[in-house]
Amino acid sequence: MTFEPRTRLDGKTAIISGGTGAIGLATAQRLASLGACCVLLYRKDQGHADGLAGQLPADGPGQRHGAVFAEITDSATLRHAAAVVAQRYGRCDILVNSAGFTKAVPAADLDALDDDLIDRLMQANFRGVLATIRAFLPLLKASGDGLVANVSSIAAFTGVGSNLAYVGAKAGLDVVGDALAKALAPAVRVVSVSPGAVASGFVPGRGEAFNNSAAATTPLGRIGQPDDVAAVIAALATSMRFITGTRIVVDGGRHL
């Protein structure tokens, strides 16, 4: 591999965990518009997921999209999803990890961050990502030109986020992603994509008032949109191919 830039993703297959969420779906739309076959991993409402997959652009040669059930905290469902992808598509060239969840808990309120919540946050935002990579790794290696894009957060290095367990999960994900980038090279690249505040409804309870306040303290004057994150992931798959083992911050300067 020379890792030269490309303009299209024809013949490539992209798996997007959290594919029905705001960032996951925006990424699928970007990759599909470049010719990739996109598979949305979902955890509930098959009809909704199938409908979203059916609305993705499909103008490329042999391009077809789909939705497959997987619960990222249940490795058995991930192994089954990988087997389904192998049977239907025969390959996985791009894996986007955008699934996860969080809850707003003030950093000083350690009592509210109880053991059960910590465990659930770590399972979804750290263990689940590693389990997803593990399940699809044979296909990524077989591609010989695999890309894993982990949707992380600036919370991983600023220490400021929805809660401390989420901060820890994302920090761990970044470090382990760097280790995997070295271990899996050159067949598979691993990159963290780190947004700041994004208008997605990902953090329950954060609405227009929070978004306006965050925009006012962001150097570029607004918070992120899901497509801002998706554009970076698409670039990693096309024009930014000589990149692995690092983070790309897409936050309008919010971390400054």
Protein backbone atom coordinates (compact mmCIF):
# COMPACT_ATOMS: atom_id res chain seq x y z
CA MET A 1 0.00 0.00 0.00
CA THR A 2 1.19 3.49 -0.89
CA PHE A 3 -1.74 5.19 0.89
CA GLU A 4 -2.15 7.68 -1.92
CA PRO A 5 -5.30 9.84 -1.87
CA ARG A 6 -8.36 8.65 -3.73
CA THR A 7 -11.52 10.42 -4.78
CA ARG A 8 -14.02 7.54 -4.67
CA LEU A 9 -14.88 4.56 -2.49
CA ASP A 10 -16.43 2.36 -5.16
CA GLY A 11 -16.23 -1.31 -4.21
CA LYS A 12 -15.58 -0.53 -0.53
CA THR A 13 -17.85 -1.54 2.34
CA ALA A 14 -18.26 0.62 5.44
CA ILE A 15 -19.74 -0.58 8.73
CA ILE A 16 -21.11 2.14 10.99
CA SER A 17 -21.95 1.29 14.59
CA GLY A 18 -24.55 3.68 15.91
CA GLY A 19 -25.50 4.04 12.27
CA THR A 20 -28.97 5.37 13.00
CA GLY A 21 -27.64 8.14 15.27
CA ALA A 22 -26.88 11.66 14.11
CA ILE A 23 -23.13 11.31 13.52
CA GLY A 24 -23.35 7.72 12.30
CA LEU A 25 -26.04 8.48 9.75
CA ALA A 26 -24.30 11.64 8.53
CA THR A 27 -21.14 9.57 8.03
CA ALA A 28 -23.04 6.89 6.14
CA GLN A 29 -24.50 9.55 3.84
CA ARG A 30 -21.03 10.94 3.15
CA LEU A 31 -19.46 7.54 2.47
CA ALA A 32 -22.39 6.37 0.38
CA SER A 33 -22.18 9.51 -1.78
CA LEU A 34 -18.58 8.49 -2.53
CA GLY A 35 -19.63 5.04 -3.73
CA ALA A 36 -19.21 2.89 -0.60
CA CYS A 37 -21.70 0.23 0.42
CA CYS A 38 -22.83 1.18 3.93
CA VAL A 39 -24.10 -1.12 6.67
CA LEU A 40 -25.81 0.55 9.62
CA LEU A 41 -25.47 -1.34 12.90
CA TYR A 42 -28.54 -0.70 15.05
CA ARG A 43 -29.79 -1.90 18.43
CA LYS A 44 -33.53 -1.27 18.14
CA ASP A 45 -36.28 -0.66 15.57
CA GLN A 46 -35.27 -2.66 12.52
CA GLY A 47 -37.87 -0.98 10.35
CA HIS A 48 -36.46 2.45 11.10
CA ALA A 49 -32.89 1.27 10.43
CA ASP A 50 -33.88 -0.42 7.16
CA GLY A 51 -35.67 2.75 6.11
CA LEU A 52 -32.63 4.92 6.77
CA ALA A 53 -30.37 2.51 4.88
CA GLY A 54 -32.79 2.57 1.97
CA GLN A 55 -32.54 6.36 1.77
CA LEU A 56 -28.75 6.46 1.41
CA PRO A 57 -27.31 7.46 -1.99
CA ALA A 58 -26.77 4.44 -4.22
CA ASP A 59 -25.42 5.66 -7.54
CA GLY A 60 -22.15 3.73 -7.59
CA PRO A 61 -21.50 0.40 -9.35
CA GLY A 62 -22.84 -2.54 -7.35
CA GLN A 63 -23.71 -0.24 -4.48
CA ARG A 64 -26.21 -1.56 -1.95
CA HIS A 65 -26.82 -0.62 1.66
CA GLY A 66 -28.30 -2.43 4.62
CA ALA A 67 -28.89 -2.52 8.34
CA VAL A 68 -27.76 -5.25 10.75
CA PHE A 69 -28.65 -5.69 14.40
CA ALA A 70 -25.83 -5.48 16.95
CA GLU A 71 -25.63 -4.49 20.59
CA ILE A 72 -22.07 -3.30 21.15
CA THR A 73 -22.14 -4.38 24.80
CA ASP A 74 -22.98 -7.94 23.67
CA SER A 75 -20.05 -9.52 21.82
CA ALA A 76 -22.17 -12.41 20.56
CA THR A 77 -24.36 -10.02 18.57
CA LEU A 78 -21.25 -8.32 17.19
CA ARG A 79 -19.80 -11.64 16.03
CA HIS A 80 -23.11 -12.45 14.38
CA ALA A 81 -23.20 -9.04 12.69
CA ALA A 82 -19.69 -9.56 11.34
CA ALA A 83 -20.72 -12.97 9.98
CA VAL A 84 -23.75 -11.41 8.28
CA VAL A 85 -21.57 -8.72 6.70
CA ALA A 86 -19.08 -11.35 5.52
CA GLN A 87 -21.89 -13.36 3.93
CA ARG A 88 -23.70 -10.44 2.29
CA TYR A 89 -20.79 -8.19 1.34
CA GLY A 90 -17.66 -10.31 1.65
CA ARG A 91 -15.61 -7.47 3.08
CA CYS A 92 -15.23 -4.61 5.54
CA ASP A 93 -12.90 -1.80 4.54
CA ILE A 94 -14.07 0.96 6.88
CA LEU A 95 -15.34 0.60 10.44
CA VAL A 96 -16.82 3.70 12.06
CA ASN A 97 -17.46 3.45 15.79
CA SER A 98 -20.05 6.09 16.61
CA ALA A 99 -22.26 4.16 19.04
CA GLY A 100 -22.36 5.05 22.71
CA PHE A 101 -24.32 6.91 25.34
CA THR A 102 -23.82 9.41 28.13
CA LYS A 103 -25.62 11.35 30.84
CA ALA A 104 -24.86 14.79 32.18
CA VAL A 105 -23.42 14.57 35.71
CA PRO A 106 -21.45 17.50 37.23
CA ALA A 107 -17.81 16.59 37.81
CA ALA A 108 -18.05 17.44 41.52
CA ASP A 109 -21.13 15.26 42.09
CA LEU A 110 -19.43 11.91 42.62
CA ASP A 111 -22.45 10.49 44.43
CA ALA A 112 -24.57 10.86 41.28
CA LEU A 113 -21.92 8.97 39.31
CA ASP A 114 -22.68 5.65 40.99
CA ASP A 115 -21.03 2.32 40.22
CA ASP A 116 -23.79 1.12 37.92
CA LEU A 117 -23.67 4.27 35.78
CA ILE A 118 -19.86 4.14 35.61
CA ASP A 119 -19.99 0.51 34.47
CA ARG A 120 -22.63 1.21 31.81
CA LEU A 121 -20.72 4.22 30.49
CA MET A 122 -17.47 2.26 30.25
CA GLN A 123 -19.19 -0.71 28.62
CA ALA A 124 -20.81 1.41 25.93
CA ASN A 125 -18.06 3.93 25.25
CA PHE A 126 -14.91 1.86 25.76
CA ARG A 127 -15.44 -1.89 25.96
CA GLY A 128 -18.10 -1.86 23.27
CA VAL A 129 -15.82 -0.08 20.82
CA LEU A 130 -13.02 -2.57 21.39
CA ALA A 131 -15.45 -5.45 21.04
CA THR A 132 -16.70 -4.03 17.73
CA ILE A 133 -13.16 -3.71 16.41
CA ARG A 134 -12.41 -7.27 17.56
CA ALA A 135 -15.45 -8.66 15.77
CA PHE A 136 -14.68 -6.98 12.44
CA LEU A 137 -10.89 -7.20 12.61
CA PRO A 138 -10.56 -10.34 10.43
CA LEU A 139 -12.45 -8.59 7.64
CA LEU A 140 -10.47 -5.38 8.07
CA LYS A 141 -7.19 -7.30 7.89
CA ALA A 142 -8.38 -9.21 4.85
CA SER A 143 -9.09 -5.89 3.14
CA GLY A 144 -5.42 -4.98 3.51
CA ASP A 145 -6.48 -1.34 3.42
CA GLY A 146 -8.69 -1.07 6.47
CA LEU A 147 -9.68 2.06 8.37
CA VAL A 148 -11.08 2.24 11.89
CA ALA A 149 -12.47 5.66 12.77
CA ASN A 150 -13.36 5.94 16.44
CA VAL A 151 -15.67 8.84 17.25
CA SER A 152 -14.10 10.13 20.46
CA SER A 153 -14.41 13.53 22.13
CA ILE A 154 -12.32 16.51 23.16
CA ALA A 155 -13.35 15.46 26.67
CA ALA A 156 -10.64 12.81 26.39
CA PHE A 157 -7.89 15.44 26.64
CA THR A 158 -9.62 18.46 28.19
CA GLY A 159 -11.10 16.55 31.12
CA VAL A 160 -14.33 18.47 30.62
CA GLY A 161 -17.32 16.49 29.44
CA SER A 162 -20.78 15.22 30.27
CA ASN A 163 -19.38 13.22 33.21
CA LEU A 164 -16.08 11.86 34.52
CA ALA A 165 -16.69 8.27 33.45
CA TYR A 166 -17.35 9.42 29.89
CA VAL A 167 -14.12 11.45 30.02
CA GLY A 168 -12.23 8.37 31.18
CA ALA A 169 -13.78 6.10 28.57
CA LYS A 170 -12.84 8.43 25.72
CA ALA A 171 -9.33 8.98 27.05
CA GLY A 172 -8.84 5.22 27.25
CA LEU A 173 -10.21 4.79 23.76
CA ASP A 174 -7.74 7.31 22.34
CA VAL A 175 -4.73 5.67 23.98
CA VAL A 176 -5.77 2.15 23.01
CA GLY A 177 -6.53 3.38 19.50
CA ASP A 178 -2.95 4.61 19.20
CA ALA A 179 -1.68 1.22 20.41
CA LEU A 180 -3.86 -0.58 17.89
CA ALA A 181 -2.69 1.70 15.09
CA LYS A 182 0.86 0.51 15.71
CA ALA A 183 -0.09 -3.14 16.22
CA LEU A 184 -2.31 -3.41 13.13
CA ALA A 185 -0.25 -1.37 10.65
CA PRO A 186 0.02 -1.32 7.72
CA ALA A 187 -3.10 -3.37 6.96
CA VAL A 188 -5.41 -1.35 9.21
CA ARG A 189 -5.27 2.33 10.17
CA VAL A 190 -6.84 3.55 13.42
CA VAL A 191 -7.73 7.20 14.04
CA SER A 192 -9.72 9.02 16.73
CA VAL A 193 -12.04 11.77 15.50
CA SER A 194 -12.72 14.15 18.38
CA PRO A 195 -15.70 16.50 18.26
CA GLY A 196 -16.63 19.08 20.85
CA ALA A 197 -20.27 20.01 21.42
CA VAL A 198 -22.40 18.68 18.55
CA ALA A 199 -26.03 19.50 17.77
CA SER A 200 -27.21 15.92 17.96
CA GLY A 201 -29.21 15.35 21.13
CA PHE A 202 -26.54 12.87 22.26
CA VAL A 203 -26.47 14.29 25.79
CA PRO A 204 -30.00 14.11 27.25
CA GLY A 205 -31.25 17.40 28.62
CA ARG A 206 -28.98 19.61 26.57
CA GLY A 207 -31.07 21.74 24.28
CA GLU A 208 -31.05 25.11 22.57
CA ALA A 209 -29.94 27.06 25.64
CA PHE A 210 -26.84 24.88 26.08
CA ASN A 211 -26.07 24.99 22.35
CA ASN A 212 -26.28 28.78 22.28
CA SER A 213 -24.03 29.08 25.33
CA ALA A 214 -21.50 26.66 23.85
CA ALA A 215 -21.52 28.48 20.52
CA ALA A 216 -20.79 31.78 22.24
CA THR A 217 -17.59 30.35 23.77
CA THR A 218 -16.41 28.53 20.64
CA PRO A 219 -13.85 30.48 18.55
CA LEU A 220 -15.54 29.69 15.22
CA GLY A 221 -18.87 30.90 16.57
CA ARG A 222 -21.03 27.80 16.48
CA ILE A 223 -21.16 24.27 17.79
CA GLY A 224 -20.49 21.30 15.57
CA GLN A 225 -22.93 19.64 13.24
CA PRO A 226 -22.96 15.86 12.63
CA ASP A 227 -21.79 16.46 9.07
CA ASP A 228 -18.67 18.26 10.35
CA VAL A 229 -17.60 14.98 11.96
CA ALA A 230 -18.72 12.93 8.97
CA ALA A 231 -16.64 15.08 6.62
CA VAL A 232 -13.48 14.30 8.59
CA ILE A 233 -14.17 10.57 8.50
CA ALA A 234 -14.81 10.71 4.76
CA ALA A 235 -11.54 12.57 4.31
CA LEU A 236 -9.68 9.88 6.27
CA ALA A 237 -11.05 7.32 3.84
CA THR A 238 -10.13 9.34 0.75
CA SER A 239 -7.76 12.31 0.83
CA MET A 240 -6.17 11.87 4.29
CA ARG A 241 -4.91 8.32 3.91
CA PHE A 242 -1.33 8.67 5.19
CA ILE A 243 -2.63 9.11 8.73
CA THR A 244 -2.88 6.64 11.60
CA GLY A 245 -2.42 6.53 15.36
CA THR A 246 -3.55 10.05 16.18
CA ARG A 247 -6.59 12.19 16.90
CA ILE A 248 -8.19 14.75 14.63
CA VAL A 249 -10.03 17.46 16.53
CA VAL A 250 -13.15 18.86 14.87
CA ASP A 251 -14.59 21.33 17.37
CA GLY A 252 -14.34 24.84 15.94
CA GLY A 253 -11.60 25.58 18.45
CA ARG A 254 -13.77 24.86 21.48
CA HIS A 255 -10.92 23.13 23.31
CA LEU A 256 -8.77 26.29 23.27
